[in-house]
Full PDB file with SEQRES, HELIX, SHEET, SSBOND, CRYST1, ORIGX, SCALE, CONECT and MASTER records, all heavy atoms in Angstrom:
SEQRES   1 A   42  GLN VAL CYS GLU PRO TYR ILE ARG ARG ARG ALA MET ARG          
SEQRES   2 A   42  HIS LEU GLU LYS GLY ARG VAL VAL ILE PHE GLY ALA GLY          
SEQRES   3 A   42  THR GLY ASN PRO TYR PHE THR THR ASP SER ALA ALA SER          
SEQRES   4 A   42  LEU ARG ALA                                                  
HELIX    1 AA1 ARG A    8  GLU A   16  1                                   9    
HELIX    2 AA2 THR A   34  ARG A   41  1                                   8    
CRYST1    1.000    1.000    1.000  90.00  90.00  90.00 P 1           1          
ORIGX1      1.000000  0.000000  0.000000        0.00000                         
ORIGX2      0.000000  1.000000  0.000000        0.00000                         
ORIGX3      0.000000  0.000000  1.000000        0.00000                         
SCALE1      1.000000  0.000000  0.000000        0.00000                         
SCALE2      0.000000  1.000000  0.000000        0.00000                         
SCALE3      0.000000  0.000000  1.000000        0.00000                         
ATOM      1  N   GLN A   1       0.806  -1.218   0.000  1.00  0.00           N  
ATOM      2  CA  GLN A   1       0.000   0.000   0.000  1.00  0.00           C  
ATOM      3  C   GLN A   1       0.840   1.269   0.000  1.00  0.00           C  
ATOM      4  O   GLN A   1       0.375   2.322  -0.438  1.00  0.00           O  
ATOM      5  CB  GLN A   1      -0.957   0.026   1.208  1.00  0.00           C  
ATOM      6  CG  GLN A   1      -2.134  -0.917   1.098  1.00  0.00           C  
ATOM      7  CD  GLN A   1      -1.787  -2.338   1.524  1.00  0.00           C  
ATOM      8  OE1 GLN A   1      -0.618  -2.647   1.797  1.00  0.00           O  
ATOM      9  NE2 GLN A   1      -2.782  -3.201   1.575  1.00  0.00           N  
ATOM     10  N   VAL A   2       2.073   1.193   0.505  1.00  0.00           N  
ATOM     11  CA  VAL A   2       2.874   2.418   0.648  1.00  0.00           C  
ATOM     12  C   VAL A   2       4.213   2.385  -0.072  1.00  0.00           C  
ATOM     13  O   VAL A   2       4.848   3.422  -0.232  1.00  0.00           O  
ATOM     14  CB  VAL A   2       3.114   2.765   2.140  1.00  0.00           C  
ATOM     15  CG1 VAL A   2       1.804   3.090   2.836  1.00  0.00           C  
ATOM     16  CG2 VAL A   2       3.842   1.632   2.855  1.00  0.00           C  
ATOM     17  N   CYS A   3       4.675   1.204  -0.511  1.00  0.00           N  
ATOM     18  CA  CYS A   3       5.980   1.156  -1.173  1.00  0.00           C  
ATOM     19  C   CYS A   3       6.093  -0.061  -2.090  1.00  0.00           C  
ATOM     20  O   CYS A   3       5.367  -1.040  -1.944  1.00  0.00           O  
ATOM     21  CB  CYS A   3       7.115   1.167  -0.156  1.00  0.00           C  
ATOM     22  SG  CYS A   3       6.897   0.061   1.245  1.00  0.00           S  
ATOM     23  N   GLU A   4       7.015   0.043  -3.025  1.00  0.00           N  
ATOM     24  CA  GLU A   4       7.272  -1.059  -3.941  1.00  0.00           C  
ATOM     25  C   GLU A   4       8.133  -2.118  -3.242  1.00  0.00           C  
ATOM     26  O   GLU A   4       8.911  -1.793  -2.350  1.00  0.00           O  
ATOM     27  CB  GLU A   4       8.044  -0.556  -5.168  1.00  0.00           C  
ATOM     28  CG  GLU A   4       7.346   0.513  -5.972  1.00  0.00           C  
ATOM     29  CD  GLU A   4       8.226   1.017  -7.105  1.00  0.00           C  
ATOM     30  OE1 GLU A   4       9.163   0.297  -7.506  1.00  0.00           O  
ATOM     31  OE2 GLU A   4       7.975   2.129  -7.593  1.00  0.00           O  
ATOM     32  N   PRO A   5       8.021  -3.366  -3.673  1.00  0.00           N  
ATOM     33  CA  PRO A   5       8.958  -4.367  -3.164  1.00  0.00           C  
ATOM     34  C   PRO A   5      10.344  -4.104  -3.745  1.00  0.00           C  
ATOM     35  O   PRO A   5      10.465  -3.551  -4.848  1.00  0.00           O  
ATOM     36  CB  PRO A   5       8.384  -5.689  -3.686  1.00  0.00           C  
ATOM     37  CG  PRO A   5       7.621  -5.300  -4.916  1.00  0.00           C  
ATOM     38  CD  PRO A   5       7.056  -3.940  -4.627  1.00  0.00           C  
ATOM     39  N   TYR A   6      11.377  -4.474  -2.996  1.00  0.00           N  
ATOM     40  CA  TYR A   6      12.724  -4.268  -3.505  1.00  0.00           C  
ATOM     41  C   TYR A   6      13.030  -5.258  -4.624  1.00  0.00           C  
ATOM     42  O   TYR A   6      12.988  -6.470  -4.440  1.00  0.00           O  
ATOM     43  CB  TYR A   6      13.777  -4.428  -2.405  1.00  0.00           C  
ATOM     44  CG  TYR A   6      15.177  -4.451  -2.973  1.00  0.00           C  
ATOM     45  CD1 TYR A   6      15.735  -3.297  -3.523  1.00  0.00           C  
ATOM     46  CD2 TYR A   6      15.915  -5.633  -3.030  1.00  0.00           C  
ATOM     47  CE1 TYR A   6      17.000  -3.317  -4.088  1.00  0.00           C  
ATOM     48  CE2 TYR A   6      17.181  -5.656  -3.596  1.00  0.00           C  
ATOM     49  CZ  TYR A   6      17.719  -4.498  -4.119  1.00  0.00           C  
ATOM     50  OH  TYR A   6      18.960  -4.518  -4.687  1.00  0.00           O  
ATOM     51  N   ILE A   7      13.329  -4.720  -5.806  1.00  0.00           N  
ATOM     52  CA  ILE A   7      13.788  -5.499  -6.954  1.00  0.00           C  
ATOM     53  C   ILE A   7      15.003  -4.755  -7.506  1.00  0.00           C  
ATOM     54  O   ILE A   7      14.907  -3.579  -7.855  1.00  0.00           O  
ATOM     55  CB  ILE A   7      12.700  -5.632  -8.038  1.00  0.00           C  
ATOM     56  CG1 ILE A   7      11.476  -6.364  -7.472  1.00  0.00           C  
ATOM     57  CG2 ILE A   7      13.248  -6.364  -9.268  1.00  0.00           C  
ATOM     58  CD1 ILE A   7      10.282  -6.370  -8.397  1.00  0.00           C  
ATOM     59  N   ARG A   8      16.131  -5.435  -7.554  1.00  0.00           N  
ATOM     60  CA  ARG A   8      17.386  -4.779  -7.909  1.00  0.00           C  
ATOM     61  C   ARG A   8      17.307  -4.034  -9.235  1.00  0.00           C  
ATOM     62  O   ARG A   8      17.676  -2.860  -9.326  1.00  0.00           O  
ATOM     63  CB  ARG A   8      18.516  -5.804  -7.949  1.00  0.00           C  
ATOM     64  CG  ARG A   8      19.845  -5.254  -8.447  1.00  0.00           C  
ATOM     65  CD  ARG A   8      20.915  -6.324  -8.466  1.00  0.00           C  
ATOM     66  NE  ARG A   8      22.150  -5.824  -9.043  1.00  0.00           N  
ATOM     67  CZ  ARG A   8      22.476  -5.934 -10.335  1.00  0.00           C  
ATOM     68  NH1 ARG A   8      21.629  -6.534 -11.174  1.00  0.00           N  
ATOM     69  NH2 ARG A   8      23.603  -5.446 -10.790  1.00  0.00           N  
ATOM     70  N   ARG A   9      16.863  -4.676 -10.281  1.00  0.00           N  
ATOM     71  CA  ARG A   9      16.827  -4.046 -11.597  1.00  0.00           C  
ATOM     72  C   ARG A   9      15.897  -2.834 -11.616  1.00  0.00           C  
ATOM     73  O   ARG A   9      16.173  -1.839 -12.291  1.00  0.00           O  
ATOM     74  CB  ARG A   9      16.401  -5.054 -12.664  1.00  0.00           C  
ATOM     75  CG  ARG A   9      17.470  -6.104 -12.954  1.00  0.00           C  
ATOM     76  CD  ARG A   9      17.017  -7.071 -14.042  1.00  0.00           C  
ATOM     77  NE  ARG A   9      18.023  -8.085 -14.319  1.00  0.00           N  
ATOM     78  CZ  ARG A   9      19.004  -7.938 -15.197  1.00  0.00           C  
ATOM     79  NH1 ARG A   9      19.119  -6.815 -15.883  1.00  0.00           N  
ATOM     80  NH2 ARG A   9      19.876  -8.911 -15.389  1.00  0.00           N  
ATOM     81  N   ARG A  10      14.812  -2.936 -10.886  1.00  0.00           N  
ATOM     82  CA  ARG A  10      13.884  -1.804 -10.807  1.00  0.00           C  
ATOM     83  C   ARG A  10      14.557  -0.628 -10.100  1.00  0.00           C  
ATOM     84  O   ARG A  10      14.424   0.521 -10.522  1.00  0.00           O  
ATOM     85  CB  ARG A  10      12.616  -2.220 -10.073  1.00  0.00           C  
ATOM     86  CG  ARG A  10      11.557  -1.122  -9.979  1.00  0.00           C  
ATOM     87  CD  ARG A  10      10.316  -1.608  -9.247  1.00  0.00           C  
ATOM     88  NE  ARG A  10       9.584  -2.585 -10.043  1.00  0.00           N  
ATOM     89  CZ  ARG A  10       8.489  -3.209  -9.613  1.00  0.00           C  
ATOM     90  NH1 ARG A  10       8.054  -2.999  -8.375  1.00  0.00           N  
ATOM     91  NH2 ARG A  10       7.868  -4.062 -10.383  1.00  0.00           N  
ATOM     92  N   ALA A  11      15.266  -0.917  -9.022  1.00  0.00           N  
ATOM     93  CA  ALA A  11      15.959   0.148  -8.288  1.00  0.00           C  
ATOM     94  C   ALA A  11      16.963   0.862  -9.184  1.00  0.00           C  
ATOM     95  O   ALA A  11      17.053   2.100  -9.197  1.00  0.00           O  
ATOM     96  CB  ALA A  11      16.662  -0.441  -7.062  1.00  0.00           C  
ATOM     97  N   MET A  12      17.727   0.090  -9.946  1.00  0.00           N  
ATOM     98  CA  MET A  12      18.731   0.681 -10.819  1.00  0.00           C  
ATOM     99  C   MET A  12      18.091   1.512 -11.926  1.00  0.00           C  
ATOM    100  O   MET A  12      18.599   2.572 -12.307  1.00  0.00           O  
ATOM    101  CB  MET A  12      19.632  -0.412 -11.391  1.00  0.00           C  
ATOM    102  CG  MET A  12      20.456  -1.115 -10.320  1.00  0.00           C  
ATOM    103  SD  MET A  12      21.505  -2.451 -10.938  1.00  0.00           S  
ATOM    104  CE  MET A  12      22.810  -1.515 -11.738  1.00  0.00           C  
ATOM    105  N   ARG A  13      16.957   1.054 -12.434  1.00  0.00           N  
ATOM    106  CA  ARG A  13      16.250   1.814 -13.465  1.00  0.00           C  
ATOM    107  C   ARG A  13      15.745   3.139 -12.914  1.00  0.00           C  
ATOM    108  O   ARG A  13      15.816   4.176 -13.583  1.00  0.00           O  
ATOM    109  CB  ARG A  13      15.096   0.981 -14.018  1.00  0.00           C  
ATOM    110  CG  ARG A  13      14.351   1.623 -15.182  1.00  0.00           C  
ATOM    111  CD  ARG A  13      15.263   1.823 -16.367  1.00  0.00           C  
ATOM    112  NE  ARG A  13      14.524   2.362 -17.502  1.00  0.00           N  
ATOM    113  CZ  ARG A  13      15.043   3.146 -18.429  1.00  0.00           C  
ATOM    114  NH1 ARG A  13      16.323   3.485 -18.360  1.00  0.00           N  
ATOM    115  NH2 ARG A  13      14.321   3.579 -19.434  1.00  0.00           N  
ATOM    116  N   HIS A  14      15.215   3.120 -11.698  1.00  0.00           N  
ATOM    117  CA  HIS A  14      14.763   4.372 -11.066  1.00  0.00           C  
ATOM    118  C   HIS A  14      15.924   5.361 -10.948  1.00  0.00           C  
ATOM    119  O   HIS A  14      15.767   6.560 -11.211  1.00  0.00           O  
ATOM    120  CB  HIS A  14      14.196   4.092  -9.670  1.00  0.00           C  
ATOM    121  CG  HIS A  14      12.863   3.395  -9.677  1.00  0.00           C  
ATOM    122  ND1 HIS A  14      11.891   3.646 -10.604  1.00  0.00           N  
ATOM    123  CD2 HIS A  14      12.347   2.453  -8.833  1.00  0.00           C  
ATOM    124  CE1 HIS A  14      10.825   2.889 -10.343  1.00  0.00           C  
ATOM    125  NE2 HIS A  14      11.083   2.161  -9.279  1.00  0.00           N  
ATOM    126  N   LEU A  15      17.086   4.869 -10.545  1.00  0.00           N  
ATOM    127  CA  LEU A  15      18.262   5.737 -10.404  1.00  0.00           C  
ATOM    128  C   LEU A  15      18.658   6.331 -11.751  1.00  0.00           C  
ATOM    129  O   LEU A  15      18.966   7.523 -11.849  1.00  0.00           O  
ATOM    130  CB  LEU A  15      19.427   4.946  -9.812  1.00  0.00           C  
ATOM    131  CG  LEU A  15      19.306   4.557  -8.331  1.00  0.00           C  
ATOM    132  CD1 LEU A  15      20.372   3.538  -7.962  1.00  0.00           C  
ATOM    133  CD2 LEU A  15      19.403   5.782  -7.438  1.00  0.00           C  
ATOM    134  N   GLU A  16      18.643   5.507 -12.790  1.00  0.00           N  
ATOM    135  CA  GLU A  16      19.007   5.987 -14.126  1.00  0.00           C  
ATOM    136  C   GLU A  16      18.061   7.078 -14.616  1.00  0.00           C  
ATOM    137  O   GLU A  16      18.454   7.951 -15.402  1.00  0.00           O  
ATOM    138  CB  GLU A  16      19.012   4.809 -15.106  1.00  0.00           C  
ATOM    139  CG  GLU A  16      20.165   3.835 -14.867  1.00  0.00           C  
ATOM    140  CD  GLU A  16      19.958   2.500 -15.562  1.00  0.00           C  
ATOM    141  OE1 GLU A  16      18.904   2.327 -16.227  1.00  0.00           O  
ATOM    142  OE2 GLU A  16      20.839   1.628 -15.447  1.00  0.00           O  
ATOM    143  N   LYS A  17      16.815   7.042 -14.135  1.00  0.00           N  
ATOM    144  CA  LYS A  17      15.819   8.046 -14.530  1.00  0.00           C  
ATOM    145  C   LYS A  17      15.864   9.289 -13.647  1.00  0.00           C  
ATOM    146  O   LYS A  17      15.046  10.193 -13.791  1.00  0.00           O  
ATOM    147  CB  LYS A  17      14.418   7.437 -14.488  1.00  0.00           C  
ATOM    148  CG  LYS A  17      14.162   6.431 -15.602  1.00  0.00           C  
ATOM    149  CD  LYS A  17      12.708   5.986 -15.612  1.00  0.00           C  
ATOM    150  CE  LYS A  17      12.410   5.100 -16.823  1.00  0.00           C  
ATOM    151  NZ  LYS A  17      10.985   4.703 -16.874  1.00  0.00           N  
ATOM    152  N   GLY A  18      16.822   9.337 -12.718  1.00  0.00           N  
ATOM    153  CA  GLY A  18      16.988  10.522 -11.886  1.00  0.00           C  
ATOM    154  C   GLY A  18      16.129  10.574 -10.645  1.00  0.00           C  
ATOM    155  O   GLY A  18      16.027  11.623  -9.999  1.00  0.00           O  
ATOM    156  N   ARG A  19      15.533   9.447 -10.292  1.00  0.00           N  
ATOM    157  CA  ARG A  19      14.702   9.408  -9.084  1.00  0.00           C  
ATOM    158  C   ARG A  19      15.556   9.085  -7.862  1.00  0.00           C  
ATOM    159  O   ARG A  19      16.500   8.310  -7.950  1.00  0.00           O  
ATOM    160  CB  ARG A  19      13.612   8.346  -9.232  1.00  0.00           C  
ATOM    161  CG  ARG A  19      12.660   8.615 -10.381  1.00  0.00           C  
ATOM    162  CD  ARG A  19      11.875   7.375 -10.759  1.00  0.00           C  
ATOM    163  NE  ARG A  19      11.000   7.643 -11.897  1.00  0.00           N  
ATOM    164  CZ  ARG A  19      10.504   6.698 -12.688  1.00  0.00           C  
ATOM    165  NH1 ARG A  19      10.806   5.423 -12.471  1.00  0.00           N  
ATOM    166  NH2 ARG A  19       9.718   7.011 -13.707  1.00  0.00           N  
ATOM    167  N   VAL A  20      15.210   9.682  -6.736  1.00  0.00           N  
ATOM    168  CA  VAL A  20      15.859   9.311  -5.478  1.00  0.00           C  
ATOM    169  C   VAL A  20      15.231   8.009  -5.008  1.00  0.00           C  
ATOM    170  O   VAL A  20      14.013   7.919  -4.850  1.00  0.00           O  
ATOM    171  CB  VAL A  20      15.681  10.395  -4.402  1.00  0.00           C  
ATOM    172  CG1 VAL A  20      16.356   9.968  -3.098  1.00  0.00           C  
ATOM    173  CG2 VAL A  20      16.233  11.724  -4.871  1.00  0.00           C  
ATOM    174  N   VAL A  21      16.053   7.004  -4.791  1.00  0.00           N  
ATOM    175  CA  VAL A  21      15.557   5.702  -4.351  1.00  0.00           C  
ATOM    176  C   VAL A  21      15.825   5.553  -2.860  1.00  0.00           C  
ATOM    177  O   VAL A  21      16.963   5.683  -2.407  1.00  0.00           O  
ATOM    178  CB  VAL A  21      16.238   4.559  -5.134  1.00  0.00           C  
ATOM    179  CG1 VAL A  21      15.805   3.209  -4.574  1.00  0.00           C  
ATOM    180  CG2 VAL A  21      15.890   4.657  -6.616  1.00  0.00           C  
ATOM    181  N   ILE A  22      14.767   5.295  -2.105  1.00  0.00           N  
ATOM    182  CA  ILE A  22      14.885   5.091  -0.661  1.00  0.00           C  
ATOM    183  C   ILE A  22      14.632   3.615  -0.375  1.00  0.00           C  
ATOM    184  O   ILE A  22      13.614   3.064  -0.780  1.00  0.00           O  
ATOM    185  CB  ILE A  22      13.877   5.955   0.113  1.00  0.00           C  
ATOM    186  CG1 ILE A  22      14.000   7.424  -0.302  1.00  0.00           C  
ATOM    187  CG2 ILE A  22      14.074   5.811   1.615  1.00  0.00           C  
ATOM    188  CD1 ILE A  22      12.852   8.294   0.188  1.00  0.00           C  
ATOM    189  N   PHE A  23      15.574   2.992   0.308  1.00  0.00           N  
ATOM    190  CA  PHE A  23      15.437   1.582   0.667  1.00  0.00           C  
ATOM    191  C   PHE A  23      14.954   1.483   2.110  1.00  0.00           C  
ATOM    192  O   PHE A  23      15.668   1.858   3.044  1.00  0.00           O  
ATOM    193  CB  PHE A  23      16.774   0.848   0.521  1.00  0.00           C  
ATOM    194  CG  PHE A  23      17.290   0.801  -0.890  1.00  0.00           C  
ATOM    195  CD1 PHE A  23      18.492   1.400  -1.220  1.00  0.00           C  
ATOM    196  CD2 PHE A  23      16.574   0.151  -1.883  1.00  0.00           C  
ATOM    197  CE1 PHE A  23      18.981   1.345  -2.517  1.00  0.00           C  
ATOM    198  CE2 PHE A  23      17.051   0.098  -3.189  1.00  0.00           C  
ATOM    199  CZ  PHE A  23      18.256   0.694  -3.510  1.00  0.00           C  
ATOM    200  N   GLY A  24      13.735   0.984   2.292  1.00  0.00           N  
ATOM    201  CA  GLY A  24      13.168   0.845   3.627  1.00  0.00           C  
ATOM    202  C   GLY A  24      13.224  -0.594   4.115  1.00  0.00           C  
ATOM    203  O   GLY A  24      13.474  -1.529   3.343  1.00  0.00           O  
ATOM    204  N   ALA A  25      13.020  -0.788   5.398  1.00  0.00           N  
ATOM    205  CA  ALA A  25      12.919  -2.113   6.038  1.00  0.00           C  
ATOM    206  C   ALA A  25      14.226  -2.891   6.029  1.00  0.00           C  
ATOM    207  O   ALA A  25      14.236  -4.120   6.064  1.00  0.00           O  
ATOM    208  CB  ALA A  25      11.799  -2.947   5.408  1.00  0.00           C  
ATOM    209  N   GLY A  26      15.347  -2.185   5.980  1.00  0.00           N  
ATOM    210  CA  GLY A  26      16.644  -2.848   6.069  1.00  0.00           C  
ATOM    211  C   GLY A  26      16.839  -3.880   4.979  1.00  0.00           C  
ATOM    212  O   GLY A  26      16.462  -3.672   3.826  1.00  0.00           O  
ATOM    213  N   THR A  27      17.403  -5.036   5.359  1.00  0.00           N  
ATOM    214  CA  THR A  27      17.578  -6.123   4.393  1.00  0.00           C  
ATOM    215  C   THR A  27      16.320  -6.970   4.278  1.00  0.00           C  
ATOM    216  O   THR A  27      16.232  -7.845   3.415  1.00  0.00           O  
ATOM    217  CB  THR A  27      18.737  -7.053   4.804  1.00  0.00           C  
ATOM    218  OG1 THR A  27      18.380  -7.730   6.015  1.00  0.00           O  
ATOM    219  CG2 THR A  27      20.033  -6.281   5.002  1.00  0.00           C  
ATOM    220  N   GLY A  28      15.355  -6.729   5.166  1.00  0.00           N  
ATOM    221  CA  GLY A  28      14.158  -7.560   5.210  1.00  0.00           C  
ATOM    222  C   GLY A  28      14.328  -8.787   6.086  1.00  0.00           C  
ATOM    223  O   GLY A  28      13.428  -9.629   6.176  1.00  0.00           O  
ATOM    224  N   ASN A  29      15.486  -8.882   6.745  1.00  0.00           N  
ATOM    225  CA  ASN A  29      15.787 -10.046   7.584  1.00  0.00           C  
ATOM    226  C   ASN A  29      16.200  -9.606   8.984  1.00  0.00           C  
ATOM    227  O   ASN A  29      16.903  -8.599   9.129  1.00  0.00           O  
ATOM    228  CB  ASN A  29      16.944 -10.857   6.983  1.00  0.00           C  
ATOM    229  CG  ASN A  29      16.625 -11.350   5.586  1.00  0.00           C  
ATOM    230  OD1 ASN A  29      15.819 -12.249   5.413  1.00  0.00           O  
ATOM    231  ND2 ASN A  29      17.254 -10.754   4.587  1.00  0.00           N  
ATOM    232  N   PRO A  30      15.787 -10.374  10.011  1.00  0.00           N  
ATOM    233  CA  PRO A  30      16.228 -10.045  11.370  1.00  0.00           C  
ATOM    234  C   PRO A  30      17.723 -10.263  11.527  1.00  0.00           C  
ATOM    235  O   PRO A  30      18.360 -10.942  10.717  1.00  0.00           O  
ATOM    236  CB  PRO A  30      15.421 -11.010  12.251  1.00  0.00           C  
ATOM    237  CG  PRO A  30      15.074 -12.152  11.350  1.00  0.00           C  
ATOM    238  CD  PRO A  30      14.906 -11.553   9.980  1.00  0.00           C  
ATOM    239  N   TYR A  31      18.298  -9.677  12.587  1.00  0.00           N  
ATOM    240  CA  TYR A  31      19.712  -9.800  12.946  1.00  0.00           C  
ATOM    241  C   TYR A  31      20.651  -9.023  12.031  1.00  0.00           C  
ATOM    242  O   TYR A  31      21.869  -9.131  12.165  1.00  0.00           O  
ATOM    243  CB  TYR A  31      20.157 -11.274  13.018  1.00  0.00           C  
ATOM    244  CG  TYR A  31      19.465 -12.049  14.107  1.00  0.00           C  
ATOM    245  CD1 TYR A  31      18.396 -12.886  13.816  1.00  0.00           C  
ATOM    246  CD2 TYR A  31      19.857 -11.912  15.440  1.00  0.00           C  
ATOM    247  CE1 TYR A  31      17.734 -13.581  14.815  1.00  0.00           C  
ATOM    248  CE2 TYR A  31      19.209 -12.603  16.451  1.00  0.00           C  
ATOM    249  CZ  TYR A  31      18.149 -13.437  16.145  1.00  0.00           C  
ATOM    250  OH  TYR A  31      17.495 -14.119  17.142  1.00  0.00           O  
ATOM    251  N   PHE A  32      20.117  -8.238  11.098  1.00  0.00           N  
ATOM    252  CA  PHE A  32      20.956  -7.396  10.254  1.00  0.00           C  
ATOM    253  C   PHE A  32      20.597  -5.928  10.490  1.00  0.00           C  
ATOM    254  O   PHE A  32      19.420  -5.573  10.513  1.00  0.00           O  
ATOM    255  CB  PHE A  32      20.771  -7.744   8.770  1.00  0.00           C  
ATOM    256  CG  PHE A  32      21.353  -9.063   8.381  1.00  0.00           C  
ATOM    257  CD1 PHE A  32      20.575 -10.219   8.430  1.00  0.00           C  
ATOM    258  CD2 PHE A  32      22.681  -9.168   7.992  1.00  0.00           C  
ATOM    259  CE1 PHE A  32      21.112 -11.449   8.081  1.00  0.00           C  
ATOM    260  CE2 PHE A  32      23.224 -10.391   7.638  1.00  0.00           C  
ATOM    261  CZ  PHE A  32      22.436 -11.528   7.683  1.00  0.00           C  
ATOM    262  N   THR A  33      21.600  -5.087  10.662  1.00  0.00           N  
ATOM    263  CA  THR A  33      21.379  -3.669  10.923  1.00  0.00           C  
ATOM    264  C   THR A  33      21.127  -2.908   9.628  1.00  0.00           C  
ATOM    265  O   THR A  33      21.321  -3.429   8.524  1.00  0.00           O  
ATOM    266  CB  THR A  33      22.616  -3.062  11.607  1.00  0.00           C  
ATOM    267  OG1 THR A  33      23.706  -3.089  10.661  1.00  0.00           O  
ATOM    268  CG2 THR A  33      23.003  -3.832  12.862  1.00  0.00           C  
ATOM    269  N   THR A  34      20.754  -1.639   9.773  1.00  0.00           N  
ATOM    270  CA  THR A  34      20.596  -0.806   8.578  1.00  0.00           C  
ATOM    271  C   THR A  34      21.956  -0.442   7.983  1.00  0.00           C  
ATOM    272  O   THR A  34      22.035  -0.105   6.805  1.00  0.00           O  
ATOM    273  CB  THR A  34      19.783   0.465   8.888  1.00  0.00           C  
ATOM    274  OG1 THR A  34      20.307   1.110  10.057  1.00  0.00           O  
ATOM    275  CG2 THR A  34      18.320   0.139   9.091  1.00  0.00           C  
ATOM    276  N   ASP A  35      23.020  -0.504   8.763  1.00  0.00           N  
ATOM    277  CA  ASP A  35      24.369  -0.369   8.189  1.00  0.00           C  
ATOM    278  C   ASP A  35      24.614  -1.503   7.191  1.00  0.00           C  
ATOM    279  O   ASP A  35      25.128  -1.286   6.088  1.00  0.00           O  
ATOM    280  CB  ASP A  35      25.439  -0.423   9.283  1.00  0.00           C  
ATOM    281  CG  ASP A  35      25.701   0.930   9.921  1.00  0.00           C  
ATOM    282  OD1 ASP A  35      25.112   1.928   9.465  1.00  0.00           O  
ATOM    283  OD2 ASP A  35      26.487   0.982  10.882  1.00  0.00           O  
ATOM    284  N   SER A  36      24.260  -2.715   7.589  1.00  0.00           N  
ATOM    285  CA  SER A  36      24.416  -3.859   6.689  1.00  0.00           C  
ATOM    286  C   SER A  36      23.539  -3.705   5.457  1.00  0.00           C  
ATOM    287  O   SER A  36      23.959  -4.034   4.341  1.00  0.00           O  
ATOM    288  CB  SER A  36      24.071  -5.164   7.412  1.00  0.00           C  
ATOM    289  OG  SER A  36      25.008  -5.438   8.435  1.00  0.00           O  
ATOM    290  N   ALA A  37      22.337  -3.194   5.652  1.00  0.00           N  
ATOM    291  CA  ALA A  37      21.439  -2.954   4.519  1.00  0.00           C  
ATOM    292  C   ALA A  37      22.056  -1.942   3.559  1.00  0.00           C  
ATOM    293  O   ALA A  37      21.990  -2.106   2.332  1.00  0.00           O  
ATOM    294  CB  ALA A  37      20.085  -2.454   5.012  1.00  0.00           C  
ATOM    295  N   ALA A  38      22.674  -0.902   4.105  1.00  0.00           N  
ATOM    296  CA  ALA A  38      23.292   0.131   3.266  1.00  0.00           C  
ATOM    297  C   ALA A  38      24.427  -0.460   2.436  1.00  0.00           C  
ATOM    298  O   ALA A  38      24.526  -0.212   1.228  1.00  0.00           O  
ATOM    299  CB  ALA A  38      23.809   1.276   4.138  1.00  0.00           C  
ATOM    300  N   SER A  39      25.282  -1.250   3.064  1.00  0.00           N  
ATOM    301  CA  SER A  39      26.397  -1.872   2.347  1.00  0.00           C  
ATOM    302  C   SER A  39      25.898  -2.829   1.272  1.00  0.00           C  
ATOM    303  O   SER A  39      26.366  -2.821   0.124  1.00  0.00           O  
ATOM    304  CB  SER A  39      27.307  -2.622   3.319  1.00  0.00           C  
ATOM    305  OG  SER A  39      27.886  -1.741   4.248  1.00  0.00           O  
ATOM    306  N   LEU A  40      24.921  -3.669   1.630  1.00  0.00           N  
ATOM    307  CA  LEU A  40      24.387  -4.650   0.695  1.00  0.00           C  
ATOM    308  C   LEU A  40      23.732  -3.976  -0.510  1.00  0.00           C  
ATOM    309  O   LEU A  40      24.019  -4.320  -1.665  1.00  0.00           O  
ATOM    310  CB  LEU A  40      23.378  -5.551   1.412  1.00  0.00           C  
ATOM    311  CG  LEU A  40      22.677  -6.601   0.553  1.00  0.00           C  
ATOM    312  CD1 LEU A  40      23.677  -7.584  -0.028  1.00  0.00           C  
ATOM    313  CD2 LEU A  40      21.597  -7.322   1.371  1.00  0.00           C  
ATOM    314  N   ARG A  41      22.865  -2.997  -0.249  1.00  0.00           N  
ATOM    315  CA  ARG A  41      22.173  -2.316  -1.349  1.00  0.00           C  
ATOM    316  C   ARG A  41      23.168  -1.543  -2.219  1.00  0.00           C  
ATOM    317  O   ARG A  41      23.025  -1.497  -3.444  1.00  0.00           O  
ATOM    318  CB  ARG A  41      21.094  -1.387  -0.805  1.00  0.00           C  
ATOM    319  CG  ARG A  41      19.967  -2.066  -0.051  1.00  0.00           C  
ATOM    320  CD  ARG A  41      19.122  -2.936  -0.952  1.00  0.00           C  
ATOM    321  NE  ARG A  41      17.997  -3.505  -0.222  1.00  0.00           N  
ATOM    322  CZ  ARG A  41      17.779  -4.803  -0.046  1.00  0.00           C  
ATOM    323  NH1 ARG A  41      18.630  -5.688  -0.559  1.00  0.00           N  
ATOM    324  NH2 ARG A  41      16.724  -5.243   0.615  1.00  0.00           N  
ATOM    325  N   ALA A  42      24.165  -0.946  -1.609  1.00  0.00           N  
ATOM    326  CA  ALA A  42      25.167  -0.201  -2.383  1.00  0.00           C  
ATOM    327  C   ALA A  42      25.900  -1.123  -3.346  1.00  0.00           C  
ATOM    328  O   ALA A  42      26.143  -0.774  -4.504  1.00  0.00           O  
ATOM    329  CB  ALA A  42      26.157   0.480  -1.446  1.00  0.00           C  
TER     330      ALA A  42                                                      
MASTER        0    0    0    2    0    0    0    6  329    1    0    4          
END                                                                             
C-alpha cells in the first residue's frame, strides 16, 4: 500500500531516470542492521 517491493533491476532503473531511491525495512531479515542494509544495497 505504501511502497514497492525491492527489486534490484527496478531500483537501478529508477536511479538511471533521476529518481531518489529510498530503501526501507533494512535487508528484510532479522539480525541485520541498517548499516548492513546500506552496504548490501550499495
